[in-house]
Amino acid sequence: MSTRASYWKANLRLVTICLVIWFLVSFVFGILLAEPLNAIRIGGYKLGFWFAQQGSIYTFVALVFFYAWRVNKLDQKFGVHED
């Protein structure tokens, strides 16, 4: 497999992992499991409500920084980084 193909395979794998995590936090925890999670409280707020309102946003921002960090490592590994 060429270097370019390996790079894109690794990049797509990283994107897929990030999207799955975001889907789990925003849709599964925030919508599908909201009622069972509401039995748990964080800071006075129901956990299902927190995931729907804040958790998915915090997770998205964290994933953006995580993706940028990991893709920089991939760029260096495959020799396509910017100087």
N, C-alpha and C. Protein backbone atom coordinates (compact mmCIF):
# COMPACT_ATOMS: atom_id res chain seq x y z
N MET A 1 0.85 -1.17 0.00
CA MET A 1 0.00 0.00 0.00
C MET A 1 0.89 1.24 0.00
N SER A 2 0.51 2.23 -0.76
CA SER A 2 1.32 3.44 -0.87
C SER A 2 1.24 4.26 0.42
N THR A 3 2.18 5.17 0.56
CA THR A 3 2.20 6.04 1.72
C THR A 3 0.95 6.90 1.78
N ARG A 4 0.54 7.40 0.61
CA ARG A 4 -0.65 8.25 0.55
C ARG A 4 -1.90 7.47 1.00
N ALA A 5 -2.03 6.26 0.52
CA ALA A 5 -3.19 5.43 0.90
C ALA A 5 -3.15 5.09 2.39
N SER A 6 -1.97 4.81 2.92
CA SER A 6 -1.85 4.51 4.35
C SER A 6 -2.20 5.73 5.20
N TYR A 7 -1.76 6.88 4.74
CA TYR A 7 -2.06 8.13 5.45
C TYR A 7 -3.57 8.35 5.52
N TRP A 8 -4.24 8.22 4.38
CA TRP A 8 -5.67 8.47 4.35
C TRP A 8 -6.45 7.40 5.10
N LYS A 9 -5.96 6.18 5.09
CA LYS A 9 -6.62 5.13 5.86
C LYS A 9 -6.54 5.46 7.35
N ALA A 10 -5.37 5.90 7.81
CA ALA A 10 -5.20 6.27 9.22
C ALA A 10 -6.05 7.50 9.56
N ASN A 11 -6.10 8.46 8.64
CA ASN A 11 -6.89 9.67 8.87
C ASN A 11 -8.38 9.34 8.93
N LEU A 12 -8.87 8.52 8.03
CA LEU A 12 -10.28 8.14 8.04
C LEU A 12 -10.64 7.32 9.27
N ARG A 13 -9.72 6.51 9.73
CA ARG A 13 -9.95 5.76 10.97
C ARG A 13 -10.09 6.72 12.14
N LEU A 14 -9.24 7.72 12.21
CA LEU A 14 -9.31 8.73 13.27
C LEU A 14 -10.63 9.50 13.21
N VAL A 15 -11.04 9.91 12.02
CA VAL A 15 -12.30 10.63 11.85
C VAL A 15 -13.46 9.76 12.30
N THR A 16 -13.44 8.49 11.91
CA THR A 16 -14.52 7.57 12.28
C THR A 16 -14.62 7.41 13.79
N ILE A 17 -13.50 7.26 14.45
CA ILE A 17 -13.48 7.12 15.91
C ILE A 17 -14.06 8.38 16.56
N CYS A 18 -13.65 9.55 16.10
CA CYS A 18 -14.15 10.80 16.67
C CYS A 18 -15.66 10.94 16.45
N LEU A 19 -16.13 10.60 15.27
CA LEU A 19 -17.56 10.70 14.98
C LEU A 19 -18.39 9.72 15.80
N VAL A 20 -17.86 8.52 16.01
CA VAL A 20 -18.57 7.54 16.83
C VAL A 20 -18.68 8.02 18.27
N ILE A 21 -17.60 8.56 18.81
CA ILE A 21 -17.63 9.08 20.17
C ILE A 21 -18.64 10.22 20.28
N TRP A 22 -18.61 11.14 19.32
CA TRP A 22 -19.54 12.27 19.35
C TRP A 22 -20.98 11.79 19.22
N PHE A 23 -21.23 10.81 18.37
CA PHE A 23 -22.57 10.25 18.22
C PHE A 23 -23.06 9.63 19.52
N LEU A 24 -22.19 8.87 20.16
CA LEU A 24 -22.56 8.24 21.43
C LEU A 24 -22.94 9.27 22.49
N VAL A 25 -22.12 10.29 22.61
CA VAL A 25 -22.36 11.30 23.64
C VAL A 25 -23.59 12.14 23.31
N SER A 26 -23.72 12.60 22.07
CA SER A 26 -24.81 13.51 21.74
C SER A 26 -26.14 12.80 21.51
N PHE A 27 -26.16 11.71 20.77
CA PHE A 27 -27.42 11.06 20.43
C PHE A 27 -27.81 9.98 21.44
N VAL A 28 -26.89 9.07 21.70
CA VAL A 28 -27.22 7.95 22.59
C VAL A 28 -27.41 8.43 24.03
N PHE A 29 -26.41 9.14 24.58
CA PHE A 29 -26.52 9.60 25.95
C PHE A 29 -27.52 10.75 26.09
N GLY A 30 -27.51 11.67 25.14
CA GLY A 30 -28.34 12.86 25.24
C GLY A 30 -29.80 12.64 24.88
N ILE A 31 -30.11 11.63 24.06
CA ILE A 31 -31.49 11.42 23.63
C ILE A 31 -32.01 10.04 24.03
N LEU A 32 -31.35 9.00 23.58
CA LEU A 32 -31.86 7.65 23.81
C LEU A 32 -31.78 7.22 25.27
N LEU A 33 -30.72 7.56 25.94
CA LEU A 33 -30.55 7.17 27.35
C LEU A 33 -30.79 8.31 28.32
N ALA A 34 -31.44 9.36 27.86
CA ALA A 34 -31.65 10.54 28.72
C ALA A 34 -32.45 10.19 29.97
N GLU A 35 -33.54 9.47 29.82
CA GLU A 35 -34.38 9.15 30.97
C GLU A 35 -33.65 8.30 32.02
N PRO A 36 -32.98 7.20 31.63
CA PRO A 36 -32.25 6.45 32.67
C PRO A 36 -31.12 7.26 33.31
N LEU A 37 -30.47 8.11 32.52
CA LEU A 37 -29.38 8.93 33.06
C LEU A 37 -29.88 10.04 33.96
N ASN A 38 -31.14 10.40 33.81
CA ASN A 38 -31.70 11.47 34.65
C ASN A 38 -31.80 11.07 36.11
N ALA A 39 -31.67 9.78 36.41
CA ALA A 39 -31.67 9.33 37.81
C ALA A 39 -30.39 9.77 38.53
N ILE A 40 -29.37 10.12 37.77
CA ILE A 40 -28.09 10.57 38.33
C ILE A 40 -28.02 12.09 38.20
N ARG A 41 -27.54 12.75 39.23
CA ARG A 41 -27.44 14.21 39.20
C ARG A 41 -25.98 14.65 39.31
N ILE A 42 -25.66 15.68 38.53
CA ILE A 42 -24.33 16.31 38.59
C ILE A 42 -24.55 17.80 38.81
N GLY A 43 -24.05 18.31 39.90
CA GLY A 43 -24.20 19.73 40.20
C GLY A 43 -25.65 20.17 40.26
N GLY A 44 -26.54 19.28 40.67
CA GLY A 44 -27.94 19.62 40.78
C GLY A 44 -28.74 19.40 39.51
N TYR A 45 -28.07 19.05 38.41
CA TYR A 45 -28.75 18.83 37.13
C TYR A 45 -28.80 17.34 36.82
N LYS A 46 -29.86 16.94 36.18
CA LYS A 46 -29.99 15.55 35.76
C LYS A 46 -28.95 15.24 34.70
N LEU A 47 -28.32 14.07 34.80
CA LEU A 47 -27.22 13.72 33.90
C LEU A 47 -27.68 13.64 32.44
N GLY A 48 -28.87 13.12 32.17
CA GLY A 48 -29.38 13.07 30.79
C GLY A 48 -29.54 14.46 30.22
N PHE A 49 -30.06 15.38 31.02
CA PHE A 49 -30.20 16.77 30.59
C PHE A 49 -28.82 17.38 30.34
N TRP A 50 -27.87 17.11 31.24
CA TRP A 50 -26.52 17.66 31.10
C TRP A 50 -25.87 17.19 29.80
N PHE A 51 -25.98 15.88 29.49
CA PHE A 51 -25.41 15.39 28.25
C PHE A 51 -26.05 16.05 27.04
N ALA A 52 -27.35 16.24 27.07
CA ALA A 52 -28.04 16.84 25.94
C ALA A 52 -27.68 18.31 25.77
N GLN A 53 -27.48 19.03 26.88
CA GLN A 53 -27.26 20.47 26.79
C GLN A 53 -25.78 20.87 26.79
N GLN A 54 -24.97 20.22 27.59
CA GLN A 54 -23.58 20.64 27.74
C GLN A 54 -22.58 19.57 27.33
N GLY A 55 -22.86 18.34 27.69
CA GLY A 55 -21.89 17.27 27.47
C GLY A 55 -21.51 17.08 26.01
N SER A 56 -22.49 17.16 25.12
CA SER A 56 -22.18 16.96 23.71
C SER A 56 -21.33 18.11 23.17
N ILE A 57 -21.55 19.32 23.67
CA ILE A 57 -20.76 20.47 23.23
C ILE A 57 -19.33 20.34 23.74
N TYR A 58 -19.17 20.03 25.02
CA TYR A 58 -17.83 19.86 25.59
C TYR A 58 -17.08 18.73 24.88
N THR A 59 -17.79 17.65 24.62
CA THR A 59 -17.16 16.52 23.93
C THR A 59 -16.73 16.92 22.54
N PHE A 60 -17.56 17.65 21.81
CA PHE A 60 -17.22 18.10 20.46
C PHE A 60 -15.96 18.96 20.48
N VAL A 61 -15.89 19.91 21.39
CA VAL A 61 -14.72 20.79 21.47
C VAL A 61 -13.47 19.98 21.82
N ALA A 62 -13.60 19.05 22.76
CA ALA A 62 -12.46 18.19 23.12
C ALA A 62 -12.02 17.34 21.93
N LEU A 63 -12.99 16.83 21.16
CA LEU A 63 -12.65 16.02 20.00
C LEU A 63 -11.96 16.83 18.91
N VAL A 64 -12.32 18.09 18.76
CA VAL A 64 -11.65 18.96 17.78
C VAL A 64 -10.17 19.10 18.14
N PHE A 65 -9.89 19.36 19.42
CA PHE A 65 -8.49 19.49 19.85
C PHE A 65 -7.76 18.15 19.75
N PHE A 66 -8.43 17.07 20.13
CA PHE A 66 -7.84 15.74 20.02
C PHE A 66 -7.51 15.41 18.57
N TYR A 67 -8.45 15.68 17.66
CA TYR A 67 -8.23 15.40 16.25
C TYR A 67 -7.04 16.21 15.71
N ALA A 68 -6.98 17.48 16.05
CA ALA A 68 -5.87 18.33 15.58
C ALA A 68 -4.53 17.80 16.08
N TRP A 69 -4.48 17.38 17.34
CA TRP A 69 -3.24 16.84 17.91
C TRP A 69 -2.84 15.54 17.21
N ARG A 70 -3.82 14.63 17.04
CA ARG A 70 -3.52 13.34 16.42
C ARG A 70 -3.17 13.47 14.95
N VAL A 71 -3.85 14.35 14.21
CA VAL A 71 -3.55 14.49 12.79
C VAL A 71 -2.17 15.13 12.60
N ASN A 72 -1.75 15.98 13.52
CA ASN A 72 -0.37 16.50 13.46
C ASN A 72 0.64 15.38 13.64
N LYS A 73 0.35 14.45 14.55
CA LYS A 73 1.22 13.28 14.72
C LYS A 73 1.24 12.43 13.46
N LEU A 74 0.06 12.24 12.84
CA LEU A 74 0.00 11.47 11.59
C LEU A 74 0.78 12.16 10.49
N ASP A 75 0.64 13.47 10.40
CA ASP A 75 1.37 14.23 9.38
C ASP A 75 2.88 14.03 9.53
N GLN A 76 3.35 14.07 10.76
CA GLN A 76 4.78 13.88 10.99
C GLN A 76 5.20 12.45 10.67
N LYS A 77 4.37 11.50 11.05
CA LYS A 77 4.69 10.09 10.80
C LYS A 77 4.81 9.80 9.31
N PHE A 78 3.92 10.39 8.51
CA PHE A 78 3.91 10.12 7.08
C PHE A 78 4.65 11.18 6.26
N GLY A 79 5.27 12.14 6.93
CA GLY A 79 6.10 13.12 6.24
C GLY A 79 5.32 14.13 5.41
N VAL A 80 4.12 14.47 5.85
CA VAL A 80 3.32 15.45 5.11
C VAL A 80 3.03 16.68 5.96
N HIS A 81 3.80 16.87 7.03
CA HIS A 81 3.56 18.00 7.93
C HIS A 81 4.04 19.31 7.29
N GLU A 82 3.44 20.38 7.77
CA GLU A 82 3.83 21.72 7.30
C GLU A 82 4.98 22.22 8.15
N ASP A 83 5.87 22.94 7.53
CA ASP A 83 7.02 23.48 8.27
C ASP A 83 6.70 24.82 8.86
